[in-house]
Amino acid sequence: MYALSSAQMRALEDRCAEAGIRGFTLMENAGRAAALAINGTIPVKGKKCVVFCGSGNNGGDGFIVAAELKKLGAEVQAILCFGIPKGRTAREAYEKAYAAEVPMVDLAISPYGCELAMSGVDIVVDAIFGTGFHGELPAWARAACKMINSAIAAVFALDLPSGMETDSFKADADCVRADFTVVFDSLKPSHIMPLTAKLCGNICIVDIGIPPEFKENLTYRYALVNEGLAASCLPVRAVDSNKHDHGYLLLIAGSRDYIGAAVMASEGAKRSGVGYVCVASVEEVCRTVAAKSPECVFLRLDENENGRIDLLSFGQLQKAMERATAICIGPGLGIDDDTRALVASVLEQAKCPVLLDADGINILSENINVLDSVTVPVVLTPHIGEMARLLAVDSQSILNDRYELVGNFAKRYGVTVVCKGYRTFTAPAAMGAYMNTTGNAGLAKAGSGDLLSGMIGALLAQGLAPVCIITVRPQISARPSWGRCICSPWMWHTISRGLTPNYKERTGCWI
């Protein structure tokens, strides 16, 4: 699954027009699908629904939604944020809602009437701007967004919450905070970026009638990683295989002060299918890991006065490096002259993929140019703070423009960067980027990164490339099922906040 820019969506709509598919047809399809999605989440019969409509095409979608919700038995009222639409397509949708006898009130003419309309409302639909918004909210739209945000009701946004820019990941301070966003045809970058995704709530993608073949030659900025894609990348074990067939991970981790990091990394590695995990560390670390994971093998290295690996032990490491099919270095390593020299030596002499995490990354940030001489694949797994150190910028800069900063870094040094966080962002050395939308707040604890480094290291050791590029075509099913499904006519992706059990039970199609 991919995210399309606003320009790409406009190009698709233009192509539809060239193929004889009217803009109003797409609008009708979008409005009907959105109404069905709303009704599939919260049955609308007898519910009070208010639809805020702008003057553009997003407002036109809202007028169609209002007419369709009324057909489904809802008590519907439309609020005109900028008066009657002037564009031909949106005006046609307005006329359809008018013909369906949807009551309407103009926000500019009757603010009090709008307040009455919002009294006791159950469902609010935001159809003010959509993907065409830039800059700051104008006065009447700001008033409308404040009304929506103060409502004690379920809020559904059409395509994008109003006040959010599609491609720049910016949002006005009074941007609509949606519980659900019904996305037309394809995800947009703001649906998945950390600063804006949380304003979208739960996301539902609906088909609006754009032929799939129109998207075959598009160049995508983002690919989305979900459970199905991740599972499809995992290696399949031959029934007659043995431990020697599944790789040898050399895990250089831990110190006297940070024993747990090695424990967590080894745990992640051994549970990810690698044949051997060799833990190379000081005696106390090896003894502790052995008590937890006796299936690991151990390379006991000398300890310096700081409780860290002594550089004089590098000769022992060299022999293990020759056998390794991947190396993971950094978790709990600590930083001193010995570990600095150790990280540089491993990078310079490695003959297999290397993953750097934690202190390995912090050491690298002191001498980033060492990457220029590395000849093997390198994977870095920084959190936002570590990424900021690598780039010598503040953390907020990373959050504001992760795609450009992290992506350019990966290409400059020829490495794969897994920038961890609420939306884990992976930038390969080649073009493109991947966004993982499956994380949750349960991962916000010490040790999660150590586990991840062990897992990735284990997969590298088994021969997987740093980035597995696989095209996954969704399967359409008329019958919802748990786990993986795309339910005609819509698919809900829980890529922001979790739903209550009631919502899940009602739709039956949450992924």
Protein backbone atom coordinates (compact mmCIF):
# COMPACT_ATOMS: atom_id res chain seq x y z
CA MET A 1 0.00 0.00 0.00
CA TYR A 2 1.24 3.47 -0.88
CA ALA A 3 0.57 7.12 -0.07
CA LEU A 4 -0.20 9.49 -2.95
CA SER A 5 0.50 13.20 -3.03
CA SER A 6 -2.19 15.76 -3.78
CA ALA A 7 -0.64 16.33 -7.22
CA GLN A 8 -0.84 12.61 -7.97
CA MET A 9 -4.49 12.53 -6.97
CA ARG A 10 -5.26 15.50 -9.23
CA ALA A 11 -3.46 13.73 -12.08
CA LEU A 12 -5.60 10.63 -11.51
CA GLU A 13 -8.78 12.71 -11.55
CA ASP A 14 -7.64 14.38 -14.79
CA ARG A 15 -7.01 10.99 -16.32
CA CYS A 16 -10.50 9.88 -15.27
CA ALA A 17 -11.92 12.95 -17.03
CA GLU A 18 -9.98 12.06 -20.19
CA ALA A 19 -11.41 8.56 -19.99
CA GLY A 20 -14.97 9.93 -19.80
CA ILE A 21 -15.48 9.46 -16.05
CA ARG A 22 -17.23 12.62 -14.82
CA GLY A 23 -16.01 14.43 -11.74
CA PHE A 24 -19.52 14.31 -10.33
CA THR A 25 -19.54 10.52 -10.75
CA LEU A 26 -16.41 10.27 -8.60
CA MET A 27 -17.99 12.67 -6.09
CA GLU A 28 -21.17 10.59 -5.91
CA ASN A 29 -19.12 7.43 -5.43
CA ALA A 30 -17.09 9.08 -2.67
CA GLY A 31 -20.14 10.42 -0.86
CA ARG A 32 -22.03 7.13 -0.99
CA ALA A 33 -19.02 5.10 0.17
CA ALA A 34 -18.39 7.56 3.01
CA ALA A 35 -22.02 7.38 4.13
CA LEU A 36 -21.87 3.57 4.11
CA ALA A 37 -18.63 3.66 6.12
CA ILE A 38 -20.18 5.99 8.69
CA ASN A 39 -23.30 3.85 8.95
CA GLY A 40 -21.16 0.70 9.21
CA THR A 41 -19.39 2.19 12.21
CA ILE A 42 -22.30 3.89 13.95
CA PRO A 43 -25.76 2.96 12.64
CA VAL A 44 -27.22 6.34 11.73
CA LYS A 45 -30.95 5.61 11.81
CA GLY A 46 -32.52 8.01 14.28
CA LYS A 47 -29.19 9.73 14.96
CA LYS A 48 -28.69 13.48 14.65
CA CYS A 49 -26.00 14.20 12.06
CA VAL A 50 -24.50 17.56 11.10
CA VAL A 51 -22.38 17.91 7.95
CA PHE A 52 -20.07 20.94 7.64
CA CYS A 53 -19.68 21.71 3.92
CA GLY A 54 -17.10 23.96 2.30
CA SER A 55 -17.44 25.57 -1.11
CA GLY A 56 -15.08 23.22 -3.00
CA ASN A 57 -15.18 19.57 -3.99
CA ASN A 58 -14.77 18.38 -0.41
CA GLY A 59 -17.93 20.31 0.39
CA GLY A 60 -19.58 18.62 -2.59
CA ASP A 61 -18.64 15.25 -1.08
CA GLY A 62 -20.28 16.44 2.12
CA PHE A 63 -23.55 17.31 0.36
CA ILE A 64 -23.68 13.80 -1.12
CA VAL A 65 -22.98 12.32 2.32
CA ALA A 66 -25.79 14.40 3.82
CA ALA A 67 -28.28 13.19 1.20
CA GLU A 68 -27.19 9.57 1.64
CA LEU A 69 -27.33 9.69 5.44
CA LYS A 70 -30.85 11.03 5.21
CA LYS A 71 -31.80 8.05 3.02
CA LEU A 72 -30.40 5.79 5.73
CA GLY A 73 -32.76 7.28 8.32
CA ALA A 74 -30.57 9.90 9.97
CA GLU A 75 -31.78 13.33 11.06
CA VAL A 76 -29.40 15.40 8.93
CA GLN A 77 -28.56 19.07 8.72
CA ALA A 78 -25.90 20.71 6.53
CA ILE A 79 -23.94 23.79 7.57
CA LEU A 80 -22.65 26.01 4.74
CA CYS A 81 -19.24 27.37 5.79
CA PHE A 82 -18.73 29.55 2.69
CA GLY A 83 -22.22 29.82 1.28
CA ILE A 84 -23.53 27.98 -1.77
CA PRO A 85 -20.74 26.37 -3.86
CA LYS A 86 -19.86 28.13 -7.09
CA GLY A 87 -17.95 25.31 -8.82
CA ARG A 88 -20.00 23.23 -11.23
CA THR A 89 -19.39 19.81 -9.66
CA ALA A 90 -19.83 20.93 -6.05
CA ARG A 91 -22.90 22.96 -7.05
CA GLU A 92 -24.43 19.83 -8.59
CA ALA A 93 -23.90 17.99 -5.29
CA TYR A 94 -25.46 20.89 -3.39
CA GLU A 95 -28.51 20.72 -5.64
CA LYS A 96 -28.80 17.00 -4.99
CA ALA A 97 -28.82 17.57 -1.22
CA TYR A 98 -31.32 20.41 -1.68
CA ALA A 99 -33.56 18.12 -3.74
CA ALA A 100 -33.32 15.52 -0.98
CA GLU A 101 -34.69 18.19 1.39
CA VAL A 102 -31.62 18.28 3.59
CA PRO A 103 -32.05 21.33 5.90
CA MET A 104 -29.21 23.84 5.50
CA VAL A 105 -27.98 26.81 7.51
CA ASP A 106 -25.33 29.35 6.49
CA LEU A 107 -22.66 29.87 9.15
CA ALA A 108 -22.01 33.48 8.10
CA ILE A 109 -25.69 34.45 8.11
CA SER A 110 -26.91 32.50 11.12
CA PRO A 111 -24.19 31.50 13.62
CA TYR A 112 -26.88 30.95 16.26
CA GLY A 113 -28.72 28.60 13.90
CA CYS A 114 -25.53 26.57 13.60
CA GLU A 115 -25.23 26.38 17.38
CA LEU A 116 -28.78 25.06 17.55
CA ALA A 117 -27.99 22.51 14.86
CA MET A 118 -25.06 21.24 16.96
CA SER A 119 -27.18 20.83 20.08
CA GLY A 120 -27.49 17.15 20.94
CA VAL A 121 -25.64 16.04 17.80
CA ASP A 122 -24.51 12.40 17.57
CA ILE A 123 -22.36 12.46 14.44
CA VAL A 124 -20.43 15.35 12.88
CA VAL A 125 -19.01 15.16 9.35
CA ASP A 126 -16.16 17.48 8.40
CA ALA A 127 -16.30 18.29 4.66
CA ILE A 128 -14.86 21.81 4.71
CA PHE A 129 -11.51 21.55 2.91
CA GLY A 130 -10.05 18.09 2.26
CA THR A 131 -6.74 17.88 0.36
CA GLY A 132 -6.86 21.41 -1.06
CA PHE A 133 -6.00 23.22 2.18
CA HIS A 134 -2.83 25.31 2.61
CA GLY A 135 -1.73 27.87 5.16
CA GLU A 136 -4.06 29.07 7.91
CA LEU A 137 -7.78 28.57 8.39
CA PRO A 138 -9.91 31.56 7.32
CA ALA A 139 -12.21 33.05 9.92
CA TRP A 140 -15.45 31.23 9.12
CA ALA A 141 -13.69 27.90 8.67
CA ARG A 142 -11.84 28.39 11.97
CA ALA A 143 -15.16 29.01 13.71
CA ALA A 144 -16.54 25.83 12.13
CA CYS A 145 -13.51 23.75 13.15
CA LYS A 146 -13.80 25.01 16.73
CA MET A 147 -17.47 24.00 16.73
CA ILE A 148 -16.55 20.52 15.51
CA ASN A 149 -13.76 20.08 18.04
CA SER A 150 -15.98 21.13 20.93
CA ALA A 151 -18.82 18.77 19.97
CA ILE A 152 -19.53 15.75 22.16
CA ALA A 153 -20.04 13.51 19.15
CA ALA A 154 -18.26 11.11 16.81
CA VAL A 155 -16.34 13.19 14.25
CA PHE A 156 -15.81 11.87 10.72
CA ALA A 157 -13.51 13.78 8.36
CA LEU A 158 -13.77 13.35 4.59
CA ASP A 159 -10.37 12.61 3.03
CA LEU A 160 -8.43 14.86 5.45
CA PRO A 161 -9.36 16.73 8.63
CA SER A 162 -9.90 20.39 7.68
CA GLY A 163 -6.91 22.56 8.54
CA MET A 164 -4.33 19.91 7.57
CA GLU A 165 -2.01 20.19 4.57
CA THR A 166 -1.72 17.07 2.45
CA ASP A 167 1.96 16.90 1.63
CA SER A 168 3.83 19.17 4.06
CA PHE A 169 2.70 17.51 7.32
CA LYS A 170 1.51 20.82 8.76
CA ALA A 171 -1.77 21.49 10.52
CA ASP A 172 -3.45 24.65 11.78
CA ALA A 173 -3.77 24.95 15.56
CA ASP A 174 -7.56 24.61 15.19
CA CYS A 175 -7.39 21.71 12.72
CA VAL A 176 -10.29 19.29 13.11
CA ARG A 177 -9.43 16.43 15.47
CA ALA A 178 -11.25 13.53 13.86
CA ASP A 179 -12.22 10.23 15.44
CA PHE A 180 -12.42 8.71 11.96
CA THR A 181 -11.20 9.81 8.56
CA VAL A 182 -12.77 8.39 5.40
CA VAL A 183 -10.01 8.46 2.79
CA PHE A 184 -10.91 8.59 -0.90
CA ASP A 185 -9.08 6.05 -3.09
CA SER A 186 -5.58 6.23 -1.54
CA LEU A 187 -3.78 7.31 1.60
CA LYS A 188 -2.09 10.70 1.51
CA PRO A 189 1.25 11.52 3.24
CA SER A 190 -0.43 13.39 6.11
CA HIS A 191 -2.44 10.30 7.02
CA ILE A 192 0.72 8.49 8.05
CA MET A 193 3.19 11.13 9.25
CA PRO A 194 3.51 11.32 13.05
CA LEU A 195 2.57 14.97 13.57
CA THR A 196 -0.63 14.75 11.53
CA ALA A 197 -1.71 11.09 11.73
CA LYS A 198 -2.91 11.49 15.31
CA LEU A 199 -5.44 14.10 14.13
CA CYS A 200 -6.96 11.66 11.63
CA GLY A 201 -8.19 9.08 14.14
CA ASN A 202 -8.97 5.70 12.62
CA ILE A 203 -8.67 5.62 8.87
CA CYS A 204 -10.98 4.06 6.32
CA ILE A 205 -10.06 3.85 2.63
CA VAL A 206 -12.99 3.79 0.21
CA ASP A 207 -13.14 3.05 -3.49
CA ILE A 208 -14.46 6.00 -5.52
CA GLY A 209 -14.23 4.42 -8.96
CA ILE A 210 -10.73 5.33 -10.17
CA PRO A 211 -9.57 2.38 -12.33
CA PRO A 212 -6.61 0.60 -10.68
CA GLU A 213 -4.67 0.51 -13.95
CA PHE A 214 -4.42 4.32 -13.86
CA LYS A 215 -1.98 3.97 -10.94
CA GLU A 216 0.31 1.33 -12.40
CA ASN A 217 3.12 3.68 -13.47
CA LEU A 218 3.05 6.06 -10.52
CA THR A 219 6.20 6.72 -8.49
CA TYR A 220 5.33 6.49 -4.82
CA ARG A 221 6.93 8.57 -2.10
CA TYR A 222 5.96 6.21 0.70
CA ALA A 223 5.20 2.53 1.00
CA LEU A 224 3.33 1.39 4.09
CA VAL A 225 4.51 -1.49 6.20
CA ASN A 226 1.82 -3.53 7.91
CA GLU A 227 1.59 -7.01 9.42
CA GLY A 228 0.76 -8.64 6.10
CA LEU A 229 3.71 -7.10 4.26
CA ALA A 230 6.11 -7.92 7.08
CA ALA A 231 4.94 -11.55 7.19
CA SER A 232 5.36 -11.90 3.43
CA CYS A 233 9.04 -10.91 3.73
CA LEU A 234 9.97 -13.62 6.24
CA PRO A 235 12.05 -16.53 4.97
CA VAL A 236 10.42 -19.94 4.67
CA ARG A 237 12.37 -22.75 6.32
CA ALA A 238 13.01 -25.92 4.38
CA VAL A 239 11.67 -28.94 6.22
CA ASP A 240 15.09 -30.61 6.15
CA SER A 241 17.09 -27.56 7.23
CA ASN A 242 19.37 -27.34 10.27
CA LYS A 243 20.83 -24.58 12.43
CA HIS A 244 23.72 -24.00 10.03
CA ASP A 245 21.24 -23.04 7.31
CA HIS A 246 19.79 -20.11 9.26
CA GLY A 247 22.69 -17.84 9.88
CA TYR A 248 25.13 -16.84 12.60
CA LEU A 249 24.56 -13.54 14.41
CA LEU A 250 27.47 -12.01 16.29
CA LEU A 251 25.94 -9.78 18.99
CA ILE A 252 28.47 -7.36 20.48
CA ALA A 253 26.55 -5.79 23.33
CA GLY A 254 26.41 -5.00 27.00
CA SER A 255 28.77 -3.72 29.68
CA ARG A 256 28.98 -3.81 33.46
CA ASP A 257 26.46 -0.95 33.75
CA TYR A 258 24.11 -2.07 30.95
CA ILE A 259 23.68 -5.80 31.22
CA GLY A 260 19.98 -5.79 30.38
CA ALA A 261 20.51 -4.41 26.87
CA ALA A 262 22.42 -7.55 25.88
CA VAL A 263 19.75 -9.72 27.50
CA MET A 264 16.97 -8.03 25.51
CA ALA A 265 18.87 -8.01 22.21
CA SER A 266 19.73 -11.71 22.50
CA GLU A 267 16.11 -12.48 23.33
CA GLY A 268 14.92 -10.65 20.22
CA ALA A 269 17.50 -12.42 18.08
CA LYS A 270 16.85 -15.98 19.24
CA ARG A 271 13.10 -15.55 18.72
CA SER A 272 13.57 -14.37 15.13
CA GLY A 273 14.73 -17.59 13.53
CA VAL A 274 18.52 -17.26 13.41
CA GLY A 275 20.48 -20.52 13.77
CA TYR A 276 23.17 -19.21 16.12
CA VAL A 277 23.38 -16.22 18.43
CA CYS A 278 26.90 -15.57 19.65
CA VAL A 279 27.00 -13.00 22.46
CA ALA A 280 30.37 -11.26 22.64
CA SER A 281 30.77 -9.26 25.83
CA VAL A 282 32.39 -9.04 29.25
CA GLU A 283 32.12 -11.94 31.69
CA GLU A 284 29.26 -10.59 33.81
CA VAL A 285 27.11 -9.90 30.75
CA CYS A 286 27.74 -13.36 29.31
CA ARG A 287 26.93 -15.02 32.62
CA THR A 288 23.64 -13.10 32.92
CA VAL A 289 22.55 -13.77 29.34
CA ALA A 290 23.42 -17.47 29.73
CA ALA A 291 21.03 -17.76 32.67
CA LYS A 292 18.20 -16.36 30.52
CA SER A 293 19.15 -17.82 27.15
CA PRO A 294 21.28 -20.94 27.50
CA GLU A 295 20.85 -21.68 23.77
CA CYS A 296 23.15 -18.76 22.92
CA VAL A 297 26.89 -19.29 22.55
CA PHE A 298 29.31 -16.88 24.23
CA LEU A 299 32.56 -15.13 23.50
CA ARG A 300 33.90 -13.83 26.79
CA LEU A 301 36.00 -10.71 26.26
CA ASP A 302 38.34 -8.84 28.57
CA GLU A 303 36.89 -5.97 30.58
CA ASN A 304 38.56 -2.55 30.88
CA GLU A 305 38.55 -0.36 33.97
CA ASN A 306 35.16 1.11 32.96
CA GLY A 307 33.45 -2.26 32.83
CA ARG A 308 33.36 -2.21 29.02
CA ILE A 309 34.90 -4.38 26.34
CA ASP A 310 38.67 -3.94 26.21
CA LEU A 311 40.01 -3.17 22.73
CA LEU A 312 42.75 -5.75 23.31
CA SER A 313 40.02 -8.39 22.86
CA PHE A 314 39.51 -7.43 19.22
CA GLY A 315 41.68 -10.32 18.07
CA GLN A 316 39.13 -12.73 19.55
CA LEU A 317 36.33 -10.84 17.82
CA GLN A 318 38.02 -11.08 14.45
CA LYS A 319 37.71 -14.87 14.45
CA ALA A 320 33.99 -14.67 15.31
CA MET A 321 33.48 -12.02 12.63
CA GLU A 322 34.82 -14.41 9.99
CA ARG A 323 32.09 -16.91 10.85
CA ALA A 324 29.26 -14.39 11.28
CA THR A 325 26.62 -13.83 8.60
CA ALA A 326 25.57 -10.59 10.33
CA ILE A 327 26.87 -8.44 13.19
CA CYS A 328 24.83 -6.42 15.67
CA ILE A 329 26.85 -3.96 17.75
CA GLY A 330 25.91 -1.25 20.19
CA PRO A 331 23.14 -2.13 22.73
CA GLY A 332 24.47 -1.30 26.20
CA LEU A 333 28.03 -1.06 24.89
CA GLY A 334 28.92 2.16 26.72
CA ILE A 335 31.16 4.90 25.34
CA ASP A 336 34.88 5.26 25.98
CA ASP A 337 38.07 5.13 23.90
CA ASP A 338 37.99 1.33 23.72
CA THR A 339 34.40 1.07 22.47
CA ARG A 340 34.97 3.93 20.01
CA ALA A 341 37.90 2.06 18.48
CA LEU A 342 35.92 -1.20 18.63
CA VAL A 343 32.98 0.16 16.60
CA ALA A 344 35.30 1.68 13.99
CA SER A 345 37.28 -1.56 13.68
CA VAL A 346 34.15 -3.69 13.27
CA LEU A 347 32.82 -1.40 10.54
CA GLU A 348 36.15 -1.34 8.72
CA GLN A 349 36.80 -5.09 8.82
CA ALA A 350 33.31 -6.61 8.59
CA LYS A 351 32.62 -8.93 5.67
CA CYS A 352 28.87 -9.28 6.39
CA PRO A 353 25.95 -6.88 7.09
CA VAL A 354 26.33 -4.77 10.24
CA LEU A 355 23.57 -3.30 12.41
CA LEU A 356 24.42 -0.39 14.70
CA ASP A 357 22.15 0.51 17.58
CA ALA A 358 22.22 2.63 20.74
CA ASP A 359 25.81 3.42 21.79
CA GLY A 360 27.04 2.14 18.43
CA ILE A 361 25.08 4.98 16.82
CA ASN A 362 26.18 7.54 19.41
CA ILE A 363 29.81 6.59 18.75
CA LEU A 364 29.24 6.80 15.01
CA SER A 365 27.82 10.33 15.37
CA GLU A 366 31.25 11.45 16.64
CA ASN A 367 32.96 10.29 13.43
CA ILE A 368 30.28 9.84 10.79
CA ASN A 369 32.77 9.77 7.93
CA VAL A 370 33.86 6.26 8.89
CA LEU A 371 30.85 5.13 6.84
CA ASP A 372 32.58 6.30 3.66
CA SER A 373 35.01 3.40 3.84
CA VAL A 374 32.50 0.67 4.74
CA THR A 375 31.90 -1.88 1.98
CA VAL A 376 29.15 -4.04 3.53
CA PRO A 377 25.43 -3.27 4.05
CA VAL A 378 24.88 -1.18 7.18
CA VAL A 379 21.61 -0.75 9.08
CA LEU A 380 21.19 2.01 11.68
CA THR A 381 18.30 1.89 14.17
CA PRO A 382 18.23 5.32 15.87
CA HIS A 383 15.38 6.81 17.85
CA ILE A 384 14.62 10.48 17.20
CA GLY A 385 17.27 11.74 19.64
CA GLU A 386 19.99 9.51 18.18
CA MET A 387 19.00 10.53 14.65
CA ALA A 388 19.33 14.16 15.69
CA ARG A 389 22.89 13.46 16.92
CA LEU A 390 23.79 11.79 13.62
CA LEU A 391 22.56 14.83 11.70
CA ALA A 392 23.73 17.43 14.24
CA VAL A 393 20.25 18.99 14.40
CA ASP A 394 17.56 19.24 17.07
CA SER A 395 14.93 16.52 17.51
CA GLN A 396 12.07 18.76 16.39
CA SER A 397 13.72 19.16 13.00
CA ILE A 398 13.58 15.39 12.54
CA LEU A 399 9.91 15.31 13.48
CA ASN A 400 9.10 18.16 11.10
CA ASP A 401 10.83 16.76 8.05
CA ARG A 402 11.77 13.15 8.54
CA TYR A 403 11.46 12.22 4.89
CA GLU A 404 14.01 14.72 3.59
CA LEU A 405 16.53 14.66 6.46
CA VAL A 406 16.61 10.92 7.12
CA GLY A 407 16.21 10.01 3.46
CA ASN A 408 19.08 12.24 2.36
CA PHE A 409 21.30 10.86 5.14
CA ALA A 410 20.62 7.28 4.03
CA LYS A 411 21.44 8.09 0.42
CA ARG A 412 24.53 10.14 1.29
CA TYR A 413 26.16 7.33 3.26
CA GLY A 414 24.65 4.34 1.46
CA VAL A 415 23.00 2.91 4.59
CA THR A 416 19.52 1.82 5.65
CA VAL A 417 18.09 3.91 8.48
CA VAL A 418 15.27 2.65 10.69
CA CYS A 419 14.20 5.82 12.51
CA LYS A 420 12.15 4.51 15.44
CA GLY A 421 9.09 6.14 16.94
CA TYR A 422 5.30 6.37 16.89
CA ARG A 423 5.60 6.00 13.12
CA THR A 424 8.79 4.09 12.47
CA PHE A 425 10.32 5.45 9.28
CA THR A 426 12.71 3.35 7.20
CA ALA A 427 14.87 5.03 4.59
CA PRO A 428 16.91 2.72 2.36
CA ALA A 429 20.04 3.76 0.52
CA ALA A 430 18.04 3.59 -2.70
CA MET A 431 14.99 5.71 -3.53
CA GLY A 432 11.71 5.54 -1.63
CA ALA A 433 10.75 5.22 2.00
CA TYR A 434 8.68 2.98 4.22
CA MET A 435 6.38 3.93 7.07
CA ASN A 436 5.34 1.41 9.71
CA THR A 437 1.83 2.22 10.91
CA THR A 438 1.44 -0.64 13.40
CA GLY A 439 3.18 0.73 16.49
CA ASN A 440 1.46 1.70 19.70
CA ALA A 441 2.21 3.30 23.06
CA GLY A 442 3.03 -0.10 24.58
CA LEU A 443 6.41 0.10 22.85
CA ALA A 444 7.33 3.28 24.72
CA LYS A 445 9.53 1.62 27.32
CA ALA A 446 13.17 0.82 27.89
CA GLY A 447 14.35 -2.31 26.11
CA SER A 448 12.09 -2.09 23.04
CA GLY A 449 14.95 -0.81 20.89
CA ASP A 450 17.29 -3.56 22.12
CA LEU A 451 14.73 -6.20 21.20
CA LEU A 452 14.35 -4.65 17.76
CA SER A 453 18.08 -4.59 17.10
CA GLY A 454 18.30 -8.28 17.94
CA MET A 455 15.37 -9.07 15.67
CA ILE A 456 16.72 -7.14 12.70
CA GLY A 457 20.19 -8.57 13.26
CA ALA A 458 18.74 -12.09 13.23
CA LEU A 459 16.91 -11.45 9.95
CA LEU A 460 20.06 -10.00 8.37
CA ALA A 461 21.95 -13.10 9.49
CA GLN A 462 19.39 -15.27 7.69
CA GLY A 463 20.17 -13.53 4.41
CA LEU A 464 17.36 -10.98 4.16
CA ALA A 465 18.26 -7.72 2.46
CA PRO A 466 18.07 -4.58 4.62
CA VAL A 467 14.90 -3.62 2.78
CA CYS A 468 12.63 -6.25 1.27
CA ILE A 469 10.64 -4.67 -1.58
CA ILE A 470 7.52 -6.71 -2.25
CA THR A 471 4.38 -5.71 -4.09
CA VAL A 472 1.35 -6.90 -2.16
CA ARG A 473 -1.97 -6.84 -3.95
CA PRO A 474 -4.98 -6.74 -1.61
CA GLN A 475 -7.62 -9.39 -1.73
CA ILE A 476 -11.18 -8.14 -1.98
CA SER A 477 -13.64 -9.92 0.18
CA ALA A 478 -17.33 -9.31 0.55
CA ARG A 479 -17.15 -10.96 3.92
CA PRO A 480 -15.17 -9.30 6.72
CA SER A 481 -12.55 -11.32 8.51
CA TRP A 482 -10.16 -10.53 11.33
CA GLY A 483 -6.44 -10.01 10.80
CA ARG A 484 -6.11 -9.18 7.11
CA CYS A 485 -8.99 -7.99 5.06
CA ILE A 486 -10.21 -5.45 2.65
CA CYS A 487 -13.94 -5.38 2.95
CA SER A 488 -15.90 -4.13 0.00
CA PRO A 489 -16.65 -1.24 -0.20
CA TRP A 490 -14.20 -0.05 2.43
CA MET A 491 -11.26 -0.99 4.58
CA TRP A 492 -10.49 0.39 7.99
CA HIS A 493 -6.87 0.77 9.02
CA THR A 494 -6.29 1.33 12.68
CA ILE A 495 -3.21 3.48 12.13
CA SER A 496 -3.81 6.06 14.82
CA ARG A 497 -5.97 5.34 17.85
CA GLY A 498 -7.62 2.13 18.89
CA LEU A 499 -11.35 1.68 18.74
CA THR A 500 -13.67 0.58 21.45
CA PRO A 501 -14.78 -3.07 21.29
CA ASN A 502 -18.25 -1.92 20.23
CA TYR A 503 -16.91 -0.29 17.09
CA LYS A 504 -14.90 -3.38 16.25
CA GLU A 505 -17.91 -5.61 16.72
CA ARG A 506 -20.08 -3.41 14.57
CA THR A 507 -17.77 -3.26 11.59
CA GLY A 508 -16.01 -6.58 11.84
CA CYS A 509 -13.39 -5.43 9.39
CA TRP A 510 -10.69 -3.76 11.40
CA ILE A 511 -7.11 -4.56 10.54
